[in-house]
Amino acid sequence: MDVNSLVDMANQIGEFFDSMPDHEEALDGIANHIHKYWAPRMRTPILEALDDPELSAKLHPIVVKALTKHREVLTPAVAA
């Protein structure tokens, strides 16, 4: 899947959760949604986008915070 499409999808999720009054709950909600509904092949490139200045600049700030806070949990396990 195209990483720009993933950025758009993540931003839509972020915009939904950004309206929550509890900021930490919103961060957790974004991460939980991505973990639950995104396949590992989708999570890997969105996490890699955090390390790309051009792509990370396109991410909603709350998405950046959520992905950064929950990066370890969202990172797919490497097959042995």
C-alpha atoms as a PDB file:
ATOM      1  CA  MET A   1       0.000   0.000   0.000  1.00  0.00           C
ATOM      2  CA  ASP A   2       1.225   3.502  -0.851  1.00  0.00           C
ATOM      3  CA  VAL A   3       2.657   5.280   2.188  1.00  0.00           C
ATOM      4  CA  ASN A   4       0.901   8.524   1.234  1.00  0.00           C
ATOM      5  CA  SER A   5      -2.435   6.702   1.431  1.00  0.00           C
ATOM      6  CA  LEU A   6      -1.450   5.382   4.852  1.00  0.00           C
ATOM      7  CA  VAL A   7      -0.580   8.909   5.966  1.00  0.00           C
ATOM      8  CA  ASP A   8      -4.011  10.089   4.819  1.00  0.00           C
ATOM      9  CA  MET A   9      -5.728   7.220   6.627  1.00  0.00           C
ATOM     10  CA  ALA A  10      -3.735   7.821   9.823  1.00  0.00           C
ATOM     11  CA  ASN A  11      -4.601  11.520   9.689  1.00  0.00           C
ATOM     12  CA  GLN A  12      -8.316  10.706   9.396  1.00  0.00           C
ATOM     13  CA  ILE A  13      -8.029   8.521  12.491  1.00  0.00           C
ATOM     14  CA  GLY A  14      -6.103  11.280  14.248  1.00  0.00           C
ATOM     15  CA  GLU A  15      -8.715  13.907  13.403  1.00  0.00           C
ATOM     16  CA  PHE A  16     -11.433  11.710  14.884  1.00  0.00           C
ATOM     17  CA  PHE A  17      -9.586  11.106  18.145  1.00  0.00           C
ATOM     18  CA  ASP A  18      -8.263  14.675  18.387  1.00  0.00           C
ATOM     19  CA  SER A  19     -11.733  15.835  19.455  1.00  0.00           C
ATOM     20  CA  MET A  20     -11.541  13.767  22.659  1.00  0.00           C
ATOM     21  CA  PRO A  21     -11.124  15.867  25.800  1.00  0.00           C
ATOM     22  CA  ASP A  22      -8.576  13.470  27.340  1.00  0.00           C
ATOM     23  CA  HIS A  23      -5.393  13.812  25.265  1.00  0.00           C
ATOM     24  CA  GLU A  24      -3.767  10.628  26.591  1.00  0.00           C
ATOM     25  CA  GLU A  25      -6.928   8.647  25.890  1.00  0.00           C
ATOM     26  CA  ALA A  26      -6.875  10.021  22.345  1.00  0.00           C
ATOM     27  CA  LEU A  27      -3.255   8.918  21.846  1.00  0.00           C
ATOM     28  CA  ASP A  28      -4.085   5.460  23.146  1.00  0.00           C
ATOM     29  CA  GLY A  29      -7.202   5.306  20.941  1.00  0.00           C
ATOM     30  CA  ILE A  30      -5.228   6.102  17.787  1.00  0.00           C
ATOM     31  CA  ALA A  31      -2.623   3.464  18.574  1.00  0.00           C
ATOM     32  CA  ASN A  32      -5.239   0.872  19.519  1.00  0.00           C
ATOM     33  CA  HIS A  33      -7.161   1.468  16.298  1.00  0.00           C
ATOM     34  CA  ILE A  34      -4.034   1.136  14.155  1.00  0.00           C
ATOM     35  CA  HIS A  35      -2.877  -1.953  16.030  1.00  0.00           C
ATOM     36  CA  LYS A  36      -6.265  -3.635  15.808  1.00  0.00           C
ATOM     37  CA  TYR A  37      -7.275  -2.792  12.243  1.00  0.00           C
ATOM     38  CA  TRP A  38      -4.026  -2.314  10.324  1.00  0.00           C
ATOM     39  CA  ALA A  39      -2.074  -5.302   9.071  1.00  0.00           C
ATOM     40  CA  PRO A  40       1.643  -5.416   9.872  1.00  0.00           C
ATOM     41  CA  ARG A  41       2.399  -4.577   6.215  1.00  0.00           C
ATOM     42  CA  MET A  42       0.550  -1.284   6.810  1.00  0.00           C
ATOM     43  CA  ARG A  43       2.005  -0.503  10.246  1.00  0.00           C
ATOM     44  CA  THR A  44       5.626  -0.893   9.156  1.00  0.00           C
ATOM     45  CA  PRO A  45       5.619   1.902   6.555  1.00  0.00           C
ATOM     46  CA  ILE A  46       3.651   4.341   8.724  1.00  0.00           C
ATOM     47  CA  LEU A  47       6.171   3.836  11.537  1.00  0.00           C
ATOM     48  CA  GLU A  48       9.034   4.288   9.068  1.00  0.00           C
ATOM     49  CA  ALA A  49       7.373   7.551   7.978  1.00  0.00           C
ATOM     50  CA  LEU A  50       8.155   8.938  11.435  1.00  0.00           C
ATOM     51  CA  ASP A  51      11.850   8.831  10.512  1.00  0.00           C
ATOM     52  CA  ASP A  52      11.339  10.554   7.153  1.00  0.00           C
ATOM     53  CA  PRO A  53      11.138  14.346   7.624  1.00  0.00           C
ATOM     54  CA  GLU A  54       9.081  14.850   4.458  1.00  0.00           C
ATOM     55  CA  LEU A  55       6.502  12.195   5.373  1.00  0.00           C
ATOM     56  CA  SER A  56       6.378  12.957   9.089  1.00  0.00           C
ATOM     57  CA  ALA A  57       5.609  16.597   8.232  1.00  0.00           C
ATOM     58  CA  LYS A  58       2.425  15.358   6.511  1.00  0.00           C
ATOM     59  CA  LEU A  59       1.219  13.515   9.617  1.00  0.00           C
ATOM     60  CA  HIS A  60      -1.230  15.210  11.992  1.00  0.00           C
ATOM     61  CA  PRO A  61       0.672  16.148  15.190  1.00  0.00           C
ATOM     62  CA  ILE A  62      -1.522  13.902  17.347  1.00  0.00           C
ATOM     63  CA  VAL A  63      -0.756  10.969  15.040  1.00  0.00           C
ATOM     64  CA  VAL A  64       2.972  11.605  15.396  1.00  0.00           C
ATOM     65  CA  LYS A  65       2.603  11.659  19.186  1.00  0.00           C
ATOM     66  CA  ALA A  66       0.522   8.464  19.229  1.00  0.00           C
ATOM     67  CA  LEU A  67       2.834   6.555  16.900  1.00  0.00           C
ATOM     68  CA  THR A  68       5.899   7.703  18.811  1.00  0.00           C
ATOM     69  CA  LYS A  69       4.407   6.874  22.217  1.00  0.00           C
ATOM     70  CA  HIS A  70       3.253   3.414  21.104  1.00  0.00           C
ATOM     71  CA  ARG A  71       5.932   2.618  18.530  1.00  0.00           C
ATOM     72  CA  GLU A  72       7.174  -0.495  20.323  1.00  0.00           C
ATOM     73  CA  VAL A  73       3.708  -2.045  20.572  1.00  0.00           C
ATOM     74  CA  LEU A  74       2.824  -1.102  16.991  1.00  0.00           C
ATOM     75  CA  THR A  75       6.030  -2.516  15.512  1.00  0.00           C
ATOM     76  CA  PRO A  76       5.238  -5.912  13.978  1.00  0.00           C
ATOM     77  CA  ALA A  77       7.123  -8.889  15.341  1.00  0.00           C
ATOM     78  CA  VAL A  78       9.909 -10.134  13.115  1.00  0.00           C
ATOM     79  CA  ALA A  79       9.366 -13.698  11.911  1.00  0.00           C
ATOM     80  CA  ALA A  80      12.102 -16.057  13.034  1.00  0.00           C
END
